[in-house]
Amino acid sequence: MPTTMKKLGVIQFFSWFAFFTMWSMANPALTEHVFQTPAPIEANFDMTITAQAEAFNIANTAFQKSSNLIGSAMGLYGLSSMAFALLLVFYTSKRRINRKYVHMISLFLGGLGFLLMNYTSPNNLKYCFVFIGFAWGSILSMPYAMLSSSVDPKKMGVIMGIFNMFIVIPQIIAALGGVNFVSGILGKQAINAMTVAGISLIIAGFCNFLITNKNAISYQEEI
């Protein structure tokens, strides 16, 4: 396995761990912490009593509304990632970029977006996802650009196939309890999962300092 690929694998691990955490935990975390409308547990209500049945319905309706708003806000990270990708296309058509630092800054912005969820309001939540979109756009492009410029073209297919393991492995670890374990260290609140995602992206950003291959760093082969 090429050295640059191993280093990029570390970056990918923390990046995809963060996004799997968001996909699995954003709704319970944000409905509870940002919107103050956690999902009601039906077992805690006596549905045979009219007042409690109504209380459950009111709480459940508020939760559903919050979930819909969170879904709309999450849609913005896809749009901002697309805008970021288009900006890179236009910029790199005329100038070189330092892929390492572009990816690093993008991951830092995404990490900031996750961390700000602890302090944001429902109206400002969309800006957190805009920041996250910058990281997402970079994750889908920069690691592959860096890898493809630093390996033997004749082995590109095999290398890319193996490289995708660094996408799958962190998601498996997260799904098997990694998210709950790490966020549980910070406390029982669901929003801690978003803090873990933010820290994970920031760690991934700092790991870009591991990349030293000049072909991987530069848009063109010469620096």
N, C-alpha and C. Protein backbone atom coordinates (compact mmCIF):
# COMPACT_ATOMS: atom_id res chain seq x y z
N MET A 1 0.85 -1.19 0.00
CA MET A 1 0.00 0.00 0.00
C MET A 1 0.89 1.24 0.00
N PRO A 2 0.73 2.15 -0.98
CA PRO A 2 1.57 3.34 -1.04
C PRO A 2 1.46 4.17 0.24
N THR A 3 2.56 4.82 0.60
CA THR A 3 2.60 5.62 1.84
C THR A 3 1.55 6.72 1.85
N THR A 4 1.42 7.41 0.71
CA THR A 4 0.43 8.49 0.63
C THR A 4 -0.98 7.96 0.84
N MET A 5 -1.24 6.76 0.33
CA MET A 5 -2.56 6.16 0.50
C MET A 5 -2.85 5.87 1.96
N LYS A 6 -1.86 5.39 2.69
CA LYS A 6 -2.04 5.13 4.12
C LYS A 6 -2.38 6.41 4.88
N LYS A 7 -1.67 7.48 4.54
CA LYS A 7 -1.91 8.76 5.21
C LYS A 7 -3.28 9.32 4.87
N LEU A 8 -3.67 9.19 3.60
CA LEU A 8 -5.01 9.64 3.20
C LEU A 8 -6.08 8.77 3.86
N GLY A 9 -5.74 7.51 4.11
CA GLY A 9 -6.68 6.62 4.77
C GLY A 9 -7.02 7.09 6.18
N VAL A 10 -6.04 7.64 6.87
CA VAL A 10 -6.28 8.18 8.21
C VAL A 10 -7.25 9.36 8.13
N ILE A 11 -7.03 10.23 7.15
CA ILE A 11 -7.91 11.38 6.94
C ILE A 11 -9.32 10.91 6.63
N GLN A 12 -9.43 9.93 5.73
CA GLN A 12 -10.73 9.40 5.35
C GLN A 12 -11.45 8.76 6.53
N PHE A 13 -10.71 8.07 7.36
CA PHE A 13 -11.33 7.40 8.51
C PHE A 13 -12.08 8.41 9.38
N PHE A 14 -11.41 9.48 9.79
CA PHE A 14 -12.05 10.45 10.67
C PHE A 14 -13.14 11.24 9.94
N SER A 15 -12.95 11.47 8.64
CA SER A 15 -13.95 12.20 7.86
C SER A 15 -15.26 11.43 7.77
N TRP A 16 -15.17 10.15 7.39
CA TRP A 16 -16.38 9.35 7.21
C TRP A 16 -16.99 8.95 8.54
N PHE A 17 -16.20 8.84 9.58
CA PHE A 17 -16.76 8.61 10.92
C PHE A 17 -17.65 9.78 11.30
N ALA A 18 -17.19 10.99 11.00
CA ALA A 18 -17.96 12.19 11.33
C ALA A 18 -19.29 12.22 10.58
N PHE A 19 -19.26 11.92 9.29
CA PHE A 19 -20.49 12.02 8.51
C PHE A 19 -21.47 10.90 8.83
N PHE A 20 -20.98 9.70 9.12
CA PHE A 20 -21.89 8.65 9.55
C PHE A 20 -22.56 9.04 10.87
N THR A 21 -21.81 9.69 11.73
CA THR A 21 -22.38 10.17 12.99
C THR A 21 -23.51 11.16 12.73
N MET A 22 -23.30 12.05 11.77
CA MET A 22 -24.35 13.01 11.43
C MET A 22 -25.58 12.31 10.88
N TRP A 23 -25.37 11.40 9.92
CA TRP A 23 -26.51 10.73 9.29
C TRP A 23 -27.34 9.93 10.30
N SER A 24 -26.70 9.37 11.30
CA SER A 24 -27.41 8.51 12.25
C SER A 24 -27.93 9.25 13.47
N MET A 25 -27.30 10.38 13.83
CA MET A 25 -27.63 11.02 15.10
C MET A 25 -28.11 12.46 15.01
N ALA A 26 -28.05 13.06 13.82
CA ALA A 26 -28.41 14.48 13.72
C ALA A 26 -29.85 14.74 14.15
N ASN A 27 -30.78 13.91 13.72
CA ASN A 27 -32.19 14.18 14.03
C ASN A 27 -32.48 14.13 15.53
N PRO A 28 -32.12 13.05 16.23
CA PRO A 28 -32.39 13.07 17.69
C PRO A 28 -31.60 14.15 18.42
N ALA A 29 -30.37 14.42 17.96
CA ALA A 29 -29.55 15.43 18.63
C ALA A 29 -30.13 16.82 18.49
N LEU A 30 -30.55 17.15 17.28
CA LEU A 30 -31.01 18.52 17.02
C LEU A 30 -32.45 18.76 17.46
N THR A 31 -33.30 17.76 17.34
CA THR A 31 -34.67 17.95 17.85
C THR A 31 -34.65 18.16 19.36
N GLU A 32 -33.74 17.46 20.03
CA GLU A 32 -33.67 17.57 21.49
C GLU A 32 -32.99 18.85 21.93
N HIS A 33 -31.84 19.18 21.32
CA HIS A 33 -31.02 20.27 21.83
C HIS A 33 -31.37 21.62 21.22
N VAL A 34 -31.54 21.67 19.91
CA VAL A 34 -31.77 22.95 19.22
C VAL A 34 -33.25 23.34 19.26
N PHE A 35 -34.13 22.38 18.96
CA PHE A 35 -35.56 22.69 18.90
C PHE A 35 -36.30 22.44 20.20
N GLN A 36 -35.64 21.76 21.14
CA GLN A 36 -36.26 21.45 22.43
C GLN A 36 -37.56 20.66 22.27
N THR A 37 -37.59 19.77 21.27
CA THR A 37 -38.77 18.94 21.03
C THR A 37 -38.34 17.48 20.83
N PRO A 38 -37.84 16.84 21.87
CA PRO A 38 -37.40 15.44 21.72
C PRO A 38 -38.56 14.53 21.39
N ALA A 39 -38.24 13.40 20.78
CA ALA A 39 -39.29 12.43 20.43
C ALA A 39 -39.93 11.90 21.71
N PRO A 40 -41.27 12.00 21.81
CA PRO A 40 -41.93 11.49 23.01
C PRO A 40 -41.94 9.96 23.02
N ILE A 41 -41.82 9.36 24.18
CA ILE A 41 -41.85 7.91 24.31
C ILE A 41 -43.26 7.51 24.73
N GLU A 42 -43.92 6.80 23.85
CA GLU A 42 -45.33 6.47 24.08
C GLU A 42 -45.54 5.69 25.37
N ALA A 43 -44.56 4.89 25.73
CA ALA A 43 -44.70 4.08 26.96
C ALA A 43 -44.78 4.94 28.21
N ASN A 44 -44.33 6.19 28.10
CA ASN A 44 -44.37 7.09 29.26
C ASN A 44 -45.73 7.76 29.42
N PHE A 45 -46.63 7.52 28.49
CA PHE A 45 -47.96 8.13 28.55
C PHE A 45 -49.01 7.03 28.69
N ASP A 46 -50.02 7.33 29.48
CA ASP A 46 -51.16 6.43 29.60
C ASP A 46 -52.19 6.86 28.56
N MET A 47 -52.21 6.14 27.42
CA MET A 47 -53.05 6.56 26.31
C MET A 47 -54.54 6.37 26.57
N THR A 48 -54.86 5.70 27.67
CA THR A 48 -56.28 5.54 28.01
C THR A 48 -56.83 6.79 28.69
N ILE A 49 -55.92 7.68 29.10
CA ILE A 49 -56.33 8.94 29.72
C ILE A 49 -56.27 10.03 28.66
N THR A 50 -57.36 10.70 28.45
CA THR A 50 -57.48 11.67 27.37
C THR A 50 -56.41 12.75 27.43
N ALA A 51 -56.19 13.28 28.62
CA ALA A 51 -55.22 14.37 28.78
C ALA A 51 -53.82 13.91 28.39
N GLN A 52 -53.45 12.71 28.79
CA GLN A 52 -52.11 12.22 28.46
C GLN A 52 -51.99 11.88 26.98
N ALA A 53 -53.06 11.37 26.40
CA ALA A 53 -53.05 11.07 24.97
C ALA A 53 -52.88 12.36 24.17
N GLU A 54 -53.55 13.42 24.61
CA GLU A 54 -53.42 14.71 23.92
C GLU A 54 -52.01 15.28 24.10
N ALA A 55 -51.46 15.10 25.30
CA ALA A 55 -50.10 15.59 25.55
C ALA A 55 -49.10 14.86 24.65
N PHE A 56 -49.31 13.54 24.48
CA PHE A 56 -48.42 12.79 23.59
C PHE A 56 -48.54 13.28 22.17
N ASN A 57 -49.76 13.51 21.70
CA ASN A 57 -49.98 13.96 20.33
C ASN A 57 -49.36 15.33 20.09
N ILE A 58 -49.47 16.21 21.07
CA ILE A 58 -48.87 17.55 20.94
C ILE A 58 -47.35 17.44 20.86
N ALA A 59 -46.76 16.64 21.74
CA ALA A 59 -45.30 16.47 21.75
C ALA A 59 -44.82 15.80 20.47
N ASN A 60 -45.59 14.82 20.00
CA ASN A 60 -45.20 14.11 18.78
C ASN A 60 -45.31 15.02 17.55
N THR A 61 -46.33 15.86 17.51
CA THR A 61 -46.49 16.81 16.40
C THR A 61 -45.33 17.80 16.37
N ALA A 62 -44.94 18.29 17.55
CA ALA A 62 -43.80 19.23 17.63
C ALA A 62 -42.51 18.55 17.16
N PHE A 63 -42.35 17.28 17.57
CA PHE A 63 -41.16 16.53 17.15
C PHE A 63 -41.14 16.35 15.63
N GLN A 64 -42.28 16.02 15.04
CA GLN A 64 -42.35 15.80 13.60
C GLN A 64 -42.05 17.09 12.83
N LYS A 65 -42.56 18.21 13.33
CA LYS A 65 -42.28 19.50 12.69
C LYS A 65 -40.79 19.82 12.75
N SER A 66 -40.19 19.58 13.89
CA SER A 66 -38.75 19.83 14.04
C SER A 66 -37.95 18.93 13.11
N SER A 67 -38.35 17.66 13.01
CA SER A 67 -37.66 16.72 12.13
C SER A 67 -37.71 17.19 10.69
N ASN A 68 -38.86 17.71 10.28
CA ASN A 68 -38.99 18.21 8.91
C ASN A 68 -38.08 19.42 8.67
N LEU A 69 -38.00 20.29 9.66
CA LEU A 69 -37.13 21.46 9.53
C LEU A 69 -35.66 21.06 9.49
N ILE A 70 -35.30 20.05 10.26
CA ILE A 70 -33.92 19.55 10.24
C ILE A 70 -33.60 18.93 8.88
N GLY A 71 -34.57 18.20 8.32
CA GLY A 71 -34.38 17.62 7.00
C GLY A 71 -34.14 18.69 5.95
N SER A 72 -34.89 19.79 6.05
CA SER A 72 -34.71 20.90 5.11
C SER A 72 -33.34 21.54 5.27
N ALA A 73 -32.92 21.72 6.53
CA ALA A 73 -31.60 22.31 6.79
C ALA A 73 -30.49 21.41 6.28
N MET A 74 -30.64 20.11 6.46
CA MET A 74 -29.63 19.17 6.00
C MET A 74 -29.48 19.19 4.48
N GLY A 75 -30.57 19.50 3.79
CA GLY A 75 -30.51 19.59 2.34
C GLY A 75 -29.54 20.66 1.87
N LEU A 76 -29.28 21.64 2.73
CA LEU A 76 -28.38 22.72 2.35
C LEU A 76 -26.94 22.27 2.24
N TYR A 77 -26.56 21.22 2.97
CA TYR A 77 -25.15 20.81 2.87
C TYR A 77 -24.86 20.21 1.50
N GLY A 78 -25.87 19.61 0.87
CA GLY A 78 -25.69 19.13 -0.49
C GLY A 78 -25.54 20.27 -1.48
N LEU A 79 -26.32 21.32 -1.29
CA LEU A 79 -26.24 22.48 -2.18
C LEU A 79 -24.93 23.22 -2.02
N SER A 80 -24.49 23.38 -0.78
CA SER A 80 -23.24 24.12 -0.56
C SER A 80 -22.04 23.30 -1.05
N SER A 81 -22.12 21.97 -0.96
CA SER A 81 -21.03 21.15 -1.48
C SER A 81 -20.95 21.25 -2.99
N MET A 82 -22.11 21.33 -3.63
CA MET A 82 -22.13 21.49 -5.09
C MET A 82 -21.55 22.84 -5.49
N ALA A 83 -21.93 23.89 -4.78
CA ALA A 83 -21.39 25.23 -5.07
C ALA A 83 -19.88 25.26 -4.86
N PHE A 84 -19.42 24.59 -3.80
CA PHE A 84 -18.00 24.53 -3.52
C PHE A 84 -17.25 23.80 -4.64
N ALA A 85 -17.83 22.68 -5.11
CA ALA A 85 -17.20 21.91 -6.18
C ALA A 85 -17.12 22.72 -7.47
N LEU A 86 -18.18 23.46 -7.78
CA LEU A 86 -18.17 24.29 -8.99
C LEU A 86 -17.12 25.39 -8.88
N LEU A 87 -17.00 25.97 -7.69
CA LEU A 87 -16.00 27.01 -7.48
C LEU A 87 -14.60 26.46 -7.70
N LEU A 88 -14.35 25.25 -7.22
CA LEU A 88 -13.04 24.62 -7.42
C LEU A 88 -12.77 24.36 -8.90
N VAL A 89 -13.80 23.94 -9.62
CA VAL A 89 -13.63 23.67 -11.06
C VAL A 89 -13.22 24.94 -11.80
N PHE A 90 -13.92 26.03 -11.52
CA PHE A 90 -13.60 27.29 -12.20
C PHE A 90 -12.23 27.81 -11.81
N TYR A 91 -11.90 27.66 -10.54
CA TYR A 91 -10.61 28.19 -10.06
C TYR A 91 -9.44 27.38 -10.61
N THR A 92 -9.56 26.05 -10.53
CA THR A 92 -8.45 25.21 -10.95
C THR A 92 -8.29 25.15 -12.46
N SER A 93 -9.27 25.64 -13.20
CA SER A 93 -9.11 25.69 -14.66
C SER A 93 -8.09 26.73 -15.07
N LYS A 94 -7.78 27.65 -14.17
CA LYS A 94 -6.83 28.72 -14.50
C LYS A 94 -5.63 28.77 -13.57
N ARG A 95 -5.77 28.24 -12.37
CA ARG A 95 -4.68 28.34 -11.40
C ARG A 95 -4.48 27.03 -10.67
N ARG A 96 -3.28 26.86 -10.14
CA ARG A 96 -3.01 25.70 -9.31
C ARG A 96 -3.57 25.92 -7.91
N ILE A 97 -3.85 24.82 -7.24
CA ILE A 97 -4.26 24.90 -5.84
C ILE A 97 -3.38 23.95 -5.03
N ASN A 98 -3.30 24.23 -3.77
CA ASN A 98 -2.64 23.31 -2.84
C ASN A 98 -3.73 22.42 -2.27
N ARG A 99 -3.83 21.21 -2.79
CA ARG A 99 -4.93 20.32 -2.39
C ARG A 99 -4.94 20.06 -0.89
N LYS A 100 -3.76 19.91 -0.32
CA LYS A 100 -3.68 19.60 1.10
C LYS A 100 -4.34 20.69 1.94
N TYR A 101 -4.02 21.92 1.67
CA TYR A 101 -4.56 23.01 2.47
C TYR A 101 -6.02 23.30 2.16
N VAL A 102 -6.42 23.10 0.90
CA VAL A 102 -7.84 23.25 0.56
C VAL A 102 -8.66 22.23 1.34
N HIS A 103 -8.18 20.99 1.36
CA HIS A 103 -8.91 19.95 2.08
C HIS A 103 -8.89 20.21 3.58
N MET A 104 -7.76 20.64 4.09
CA MET A 104 -7.65 20.92 5.52
C MET A 104 -8.63 22.01 5.95
N ILE A 105 -8.65 23.10 5.23
CA ILE A 105 -9.54 24.21 5.59
C ILE A 105 -11.00 23.80 5.47
N SER A 106 -11.31 23.02 4.43
CA SER A 106 -12.69 22.55 4.25
C SER A 106 -13.14 21.69 5.42
N LEU A 107 -12.26 20.81 5.86
CA LEU A 107 -12.60 19.95 7.00
C LEU A 107 -12.74 20.75 8.29
N PHE A 108 -11.90 21.75 8.45
CA PHE A 108 -12.02 22.62 9.63
C PHE A 108 -13.38 23.33 9.63
N LEU A 109 -13.80 23.82 8.47
CA LEU A 109 -15.09 24.50 8.38
C LEU A 109 -16.23 23.55 8.71
N GLY A 110 -16.13 22.31 8.20
CA GLY A 110 -17.15 21.33 8.53
C GLY A 110 -17.17 21.01 10.01
N GLY A 111 -16.00 20.87 10.60
CA GLY A 111 -15.92 20.63 12.04
C GLY A 111 -16.53 21.77 12.83
N LEU A 112 -16.26 23.00 12.38
CA LEU A 112 -16.85 24.17 13.04
C LEU A 112 -18.37 24.13 12.95
N GLY A 113 -18.87 23.73 11.79
CA GLY A 113 -20.33 23.63 11.63
C GLY A 113 -20.95 22.68 12.63
N PHE A 114 -20.30 21.54 12.84
CA PHE A 114 -20.82 20.58 13.83
C PHE A 114 -20.73 21.13 15.25
N LEU A 115 -19.63 21.75 15.59
CA LEU A 115 -19.45 22.26 16.96
C LEU A 115 -20.43 23.40 17.26
N LEU A 116 -20.74 24.21 16.26
CA LEU A 116 -21.66 25.33 16.47
C LEU A 116 -23.09 24.88 16.73
N MET A 117 -23.39 23.61 16.43
CA MET A 117 -24.73 23.11 16.70
C MET A 117 -25.06 23.12 18.18
N ASN A 118 -24.04 23.13 19.02
CA ASN A 118 -24.27 23.22 20.47
C ASN A 118 -24.82 24.58 20.87
N TYR A 119 -24.61 25.59 20.03
CA TYR A 119 -24.91 26.96 20.44
C TYR A 119 -25.87 27.66 19.49
N THR A 120 -26.29 27.01 18.43
CA THR A 120 -27.10 27.66 17.42
C THR A 120 -28.58 27.68 17.79
N SER A 121 -29.33 28.45 17.04
CA SER A 121 -30.79 28.50 17.19
C SER A 121 -31.41 27.81 15.98
N PRO A 122 -32.70 27.48 16.05
CA PRO A 122 -33.34 26.85 14.88
C PRO A 122 -33.19 27.68 13.61
N ASN A 123 -33.23 29.00 13.73
CA ASN A 123 -33.14 29.85 12.54
C ASN A 123 -31.74 29.86 11.93
N ASN A 124 -30.73 29.63 12.75
CA ASN A 124 -29.35 29.69 12.27
C ASN A 124 -28.74 28.31 12.00
N LEU A 125 -29.52 27.26 12.21
CA LEU A 125 -29.01 25.91 12.01
C LEU A 125 -28.54 25.70 10.57
N LYS A 126 -29.21 26.34 9.63
CA LYS A 126 -28.86 26.15 8.21
C LYS A 126 -27.42 26.56 7.93
N TYR A 127 -26.89 27.53 8.65
CA TYR A 127 -25.52 27.96 8.40
C TYR A 127 -24.51 26.89 8.84
N CYS A 128 -24.86 26.14 9.87
CA CYS A 128 -24.01 25.02 10.29
C CYS A 128 -23.88 24.01 9.16
N PHE A 129 -25.00 23.73 8.49
CA PHE A 129 -24.97 22.74 7.42
C PHE A 129 -24.29 23.29 6.16
N VAL A 130 -24.31 24.59 5.97
CA VAL A 130 -23.55 25.17 4.86
C VAL A 130 -22.06 24.90 5.05
N PHE A 131 -21.57 25.11 6.27
CA PHE A 131 -20.16 24.82 6.57
C PHE A 131 -19.86 23.33 6.37
N ILE A 132 -20.77 22.50 6.81
CA ILE A 132 -20.59 21.06 6.65
C ILE A 132 -20.54 20.68 5.17
N GLY A 133 -21.29 21.38 4.35
CA GLY A 133 -21.28 21.13 2.91
C GLY A 133 -19.92 21.36 2.28
N PHE A 134 -19.17 22.36 2.78
CA PHE A 134 -17.82 22.59 2.25
C PHE A 134 -16.95 21.36 2.50
N ALA A 135 -17.07 20.80 3.69
CA ALA A 135 -16.29 19.59 4.00
C ALA A 135 -16.72 18.43 3.13
N TRP A 136 -18.01 18.27 2.94
CA TRP A 136 -18.53 17.16 2.14
C TRP A 136 -18.05 17.25 0.69
N GLY A 137 -18.10 18.45 0.11
CA GLY A 137 -17.63 18.63 -1.26
C GLY A 137 -16.16 18.28 -1.40
N SER A 138 -15.38 18.63 -0.40
CA SER A 138 -13.95 18.34 -0.44
C SER A 138 -13.67 16.86 -0.22
N ILE A 139 -14.41 16.23 0.67
CA ILE A 139 -14.23 14.80 0.94
C ILE A 139 -14.48 13.96 -0.31
N LEU A 140 -15.42 14.39 -1.12
CA LEU A 140 -15.77 13.62 -2.32
C LEU A 140 -14.81 13.85 -3.48
N SER A 141 -13.86 14.76 -3.32
CA SER A 141 -12.98 15.07 -4.45
C SER A 141 -11.50 15.09 -4.10
N MET A 142 -11.11 15.83 -3.08
CA MET A 142 -9.70 16.06 -2.80
C MET A 142 -8.90 14.80 -2.48
N PRO A 143 -9.38 13.89 -1.63
CA PRO A 143 -8.58 12.70 -1.35
C PRO A 143 -8.30 11.88 -2.61
N TYR A 144 -9.28 11.78 -3.49
CA TYR A 144 -9.09 11.02 -4.73
C TYR A 144 -8.14 11.74 -5.67
N ALA A 145 -8.21 13.06 -5.70
CA ALA A 145 -7.28 13.81 -6.54
C ALA A 145 -5.85 13.66 -6.04
N MET A 146 -5.68 13.70 -4.72
CA MET A 146 -4.34 13.54 -4.15
C MET A 146 -3.81 12.14 -4.39
N LEU A 147 -4.68 11.14 -4.24
CA LEU A 147 -4.23 9.76 -4.41
C LEU A 147 -3.89 9.47 -5.87
N SER A 148 -4.75 9.89 -6.79
CA SER A 148 -4.54 9.57 -8.21
C SER A 148 -3.27 10.19 -8.76
N SER A 149 -2.81 11.27 -8.15
CA SER A 149 -1.60 11.95 -8.63
C SER A 149 -0.33 11.39 -8.01
N SER A 150 -0.47 10.43 -7.12
CA SER A 150 0.72 9.96 -6.39
C SER A 150 0.93 8.45 -6.48
N VAL A 151 0.14 7.76 -7.34
CA VAL A 151 0.29 6.31 -7.48
C VAL A 151 0.52 5.95 -8.93
N ASP A 152 0.97 4.72 -9.15
CA ASP A 152 1.20 4.22 -10.50
C ASP A 152 -0.13 4.12 -11.26
N PRO A 153 -0.26 4.83 -12.40
CA PRO A 153 -1.52 4.78 -13.16
C PRO A 153 -1.93 3.37 -13.56
N LYS A 154 -0.97 2.46 -13.74
CA LYS A 154 -1.29 1.09 -14.13
C LYS A 154 -2.01 0.33 -13.02
N LYS A 155 -1.85 0.78 -11.78
CA LYS A 155 -2.48 0.11 -10.65
C LYS A 155 -3.65 0.92 -10.10
N MET A 156 -4.11 1.91 -10.86
CA MET A 156 -5.12 2.84 -10.37
C MET A 156 -6.40 2.14 -9.93
N GLY A 157 -6.87 1.18 -10.73
CA GLY A 157 -8.12 0.50 -10.39
C GLY A 157 -8.05 -0.24 -9.07
N VAL A 158 -6.97 -0.98 -8.88
CA VAL A 158 -6.79 -1.74 -7.64
C VAL A 158 -6.64 -0.79 -6.45
N ILE A 159 -5.83 0.25 -6.65
CA ILE A 159 -5.58 1.21 -5.56
C ILE A 159 -6.88 1.88 -5.13
N MET A 160 -7.68 2.33 -6.10
CA MET A 160 -8.93 3.00 -5.76
C MET A 160 -9.90 2.05 -5.06
N GLY A 161 -9.90 0.80 -5.50
CA GLY A 161 -10.77 -0.18 -4.85
C GLY A 161 -10.40 -0.40 -3.40
N ILE A 162 -9.10 -0.54 -3.15
CA ILE A 162 -8.63 -0.71 -1.77
C ILE A 162 -8.89 0.56 -0.96
N PHE A 163 -8.71 1.71 -1.60
CA PHE A 163 -8.88 2.98 -0.90
C PHE A 163 -10.30 3.15 -0.37
N ASN A 164 -11.26 2.57 -1.08
CA ASN A 164 -12.65 2.68 -0.63
C ASN A 164 -12.91 1.95 0.68
N MET A 165 -11.97 1.07 1.07
CA MET A 165 -12.10 0.43 2.38
C MET A 165 -12.06 1.47 3.49
N PHE A 166 -11.36 2.57 3.25
CA PHE A 166 -11.26 3.61 4.28
C PHE A 166 -12.54 4.42 4.40
N ILE A 167 -13.50 4.15 3.51
CA ILE A 167 -14.83 4.73 3.64
C ILE A 167 -15.73 3.77 4.43
N VAL A 168 -15.58 2.50 4.13
CA VAL A 168 -16.46 1.48 4.73
C VAL A 168 -16.10 1.20 6.19
N ILE A 169 -14.81 1.05 6.47
CA ILE A 169 -14.38 0.66 7.82
C ILE A 169 -14.85 1.63 8.91
N PRO A 170 -14.67 2.94 8.75
CA PRO A 170 -15.14 3.84 9.82
C PRO A 170 -16.64 3.80 10.02
N GLN A 171 -17.39 3.56 8.95
CA GLN A 171 -18.85 3.49 9.09
C GLN A 171 -19.26 2.22 9.82
N ILE A 172 -18.55 1.13 9.56
CA ILE A 172 -18.84 -0.12 10.29
C ILE A 172 -18.55 0.05 11.78
N ILE A 173 -17.41 0.67 12.08
CA ILE A 173 -17.04 0.89 13.48
C ILE A 173 -18.07 1.79 14.16
N ALA A 174 -18.48 2.84 13.46
CA ALA A 174 -19.47 3.76 14.03
C ALA A 174 -20.80 3.06 14.26
N ALA A 175 -21.21 2.23 13.29
CA ALA A 175 -22.50 1.54 13.39
C ALA A 175 -22.50 0.48 14.49
N LEU A 176 -21.34 -0.10 14.76
CA LEU A 176 -21.26 -1.15 15.78
C LEU A 176 -21.14 -0.60 17.21
N GLY A 177 -21.30 0.69 17.34
CA GLY A 177 -21.30 1.28 18.67
C GLY A 177 -20.23 2.31 18.91
N GLY A 178 -19.41 2.58 17.90
CA GLY A 178 -18.34 3.56 18.07
C GLY A 178 -18.86 4.94 18.39
N VAL A 179 -19.94 5.34 17.73
CA VAL A 179 -20.52 6.67 17.97
C VAL A 179 -21.04 6.78 19.40
N ASN A 180 -21.81 5.78 19.82
CA ASN A 180 -22.38 5.80 21.17
C ASN A 180 -21.30 5.78 22.25
N PHE A 181 -20.25 5.00 21.98
CA PHE A 181 -19.18 4.89 22.98
C PHE A 181 -18.46 6.23 23.15
N VAL A 182 -18.05 6.83 22.02
CA VAL A 182 -17.27 8.07 22.10
C VAL A 182 -18.12 9.22 22.61
N SER A 183 -19.35 9.36 22.10
CA SER A 183 -20.21 10.45 22.56
C SER A 183 -20.61 10.26 24.01
N GLY A 184 -20.71 8.99 24.44
CA GLY A 184 -21.07 8.70 25.82
C GLY A 184 -20.02 9.17 26.81
N ILE A 185 -18.78 9.28 26.35
CA ILE A 185 -17.72 9.79 27.22
C ILE A 185 -18.00 11.23 27.61
N LEU A 186 -18.62 11.98 26.68
CA LEU A 186 -18.93 13.39 26.92
C LEU A 186 -20.20 13.58 27.73
N GLY A 187 -21.04 12.57 27.78
CA GLY A 187 -22.29 12.69 28.52
C GLY A 187 -23.41 11.96 27.79
N LYS A 188 -24.60 12.00 28.38
CA LYS A 188 -25.74 11.26 27.84
C LYS A 188 -26.54 12.04 26.79
N GLN A 189 -26.30 13.34 26.68
CA GLN A 189 -27.08 14.14 25.74
C GLN A 189 -26.74 13.79 24.30
N ALA A 190 -27.78 13.72 23.47
CA ALA A 190 -27.59 13.31 22.07
C ALA A 190 -26.73 14.30 21.30
N ILE A 191 -26.75 15.58 21.70
CA ILE A 191 -25.98 16.59 20.97
C ILE A 191 -24.49 16.31 21.05
N ASN A 192 -24.06 15.52 22.02
CA ASN A 192 -22.64 15.18 22.13
C ASN A 192 -22.14 14.44 20.89
N ALA A 193 -23.04 13.76 20.20
CA ALA A 193 -22.66 13.07 18.97
C ALA A 193 -22.21 14.06 17.91
N MET A 194 -22.85 15.24 17.86
CA MET A 194 -22.45 16.26 16.90
C MET A 194 -21.10 16.87 17.29
N THR A 195 -20.85 16.94 18.59
CA THR A 195 -19.54 17.40 19.06
C THR A 195 -18.45 16.41 18.63
N VAL A 196 -18.76 15.13 18.76
CA VAL A 196 -17.81 14.09 18.32
C VAL A 196 -17.55 14.22 16.83
N ALA A 197 -18.61 14.45 16.05
CA ALA A 197 -18.44 14.61 14.60
C ALA A 197 -17.55 15.80 14.29
N GLY A 198 -17.75 16.90 15.02
CA GLY A 198 -16.93 18.09 14.80
C GLY A 198 -15.47 17.84 15.13
N ILE A 199 -15.23 17.22 16.26
CA ILE A 199 -13.85 16.92 16.67
C ILE A 199 -13.20 15.97 15.67
N SER A 200 -13.98 14.99 15.19
CA SER A 200 -13.46 14.03 14.23
C SER A 200 -13.03 14.72 12.93
N LEU A 201 -13.83 15.68 12.45
CA LEU A 201 -13.46 16.40 11.22
C LEU A 201 -12.23 17.27 11.45
N ILE A 202 -12.13 17.86 12.61
CA ILE A 202 -10.96 18.70 12.90
C ILE A 202 -9.69 17.83 12.97
N ILE A 203 -9.81 16.65 13.58
CA ILE A 203 -8.67 15.73 13.59
C ILE A 203 -8.28 15.35 12.16
N ALA A 204 -9.30 15.09 11.33
CA ALA A 204 -9.04 14.76 9.92
C ALA A 204 -8.33 15.91 9.22
N GLY A 205 -8.73 17.14 9.57
CA GLY A 205 -8.08 18.30 8.97
C GLY A 205 -6.61 18.37 9.34
N PHE A 206 -6.30 18.18 10.60
CA PHE A 206 -4.90 18.24 11.04
C PHE A 206 -4.08 17.10 10.42
N CYS A 207 -4.72 15.97 10.16
CA CYS A 207 -4.01 14.83 9.56
C CYS A 207 -3.50 15.13 8.15
N ASN A 208 -3.99 16.20 7.55
CA ASN A 208 -3.48 16.59 6.23
C ASN A 208 -2.01 16.97 6.28
N PHE A 209 -1.53 17.33 7.46
CA PHE A 209 -0.10 17.64 7.59
C PHE A 209 0.76 16.40 7.32
N LEU A 210 0.15 15.22 7.36
CA LEU A 210 0.88 14.00 7.07
C LEU A 210 1.24 13.89 5.59
N ILE A 211 0.47 14.57 4.74
CA ILE A 211 0.67 14.46 3.29
C ILE A 211 1.86 15.31 2.87
N THR A 212 2.89 14.66 2.35
CA THR A 212 4.11 15.37 1.95
C THR A 212 4.47 15.13 0.49
N ASN A 213 3.81 14.21 -0.17
CA ASN A 213 4.08 13.93 -1.58
C ASN A 213 3.72 15.14 -2.44
N LYS A 214 4.68 15.68 -3.18
CA LYS A 214 4.45 16.92 -3.94
C LYS A 214 3.42 16.73 -5.04
N ASN A 215 3.41 15.58 -5.67
CA ASN A 215 2.41 15.33 -6.71
C ASN A 215 1.00 15.29 -6.14
N ALA A 216 0.87 14.78 -4.94
CA ALA A 216 -0.44 14.73 -4.30
C ALA A 216 -0.92 16.11 -3.90
N ILE A 217 0.01 16.94 -3.47
CA ILE A 217 -0.36 18.26 -2.95
C ILE A 217 -0.73 19.23 -4.05
N SER A 218 0.02 19.22 -5.16
CA SER A 218 -0.16 20.22 -6.19
C SER A 218 -1.17 19.78 -7.22
N TYR A 219 -1.91 20.77 -7.78
CA TYR A 219 -2.88 20.49 -8.84
C TYR A 219 -2.19 19.96 -10.08
N GLN A 220 -0.99 20.48 -10.37
CA GLN A 220 -0.19 20.01 -11.46
C GLN A 220 0.98 19.21 -10.89
N GLU A 221 1.65 18.43 -11.74
CA GLU A 221 2.69 17.56 -11.22
C GLU A 221 3.89 18.33 -10.71
N GLU A 222 4.13 19.49 -11.28
CA GLU A 222 5.24 20.27 -10.76
C GLU A 222 4.73 21.28 -9.77
N ILE A 223 5.56 21.59 -8.79
CA ILE A 223 5.17 22.57 -7.77
C ILE A 223 5.90 23.85 -8.03
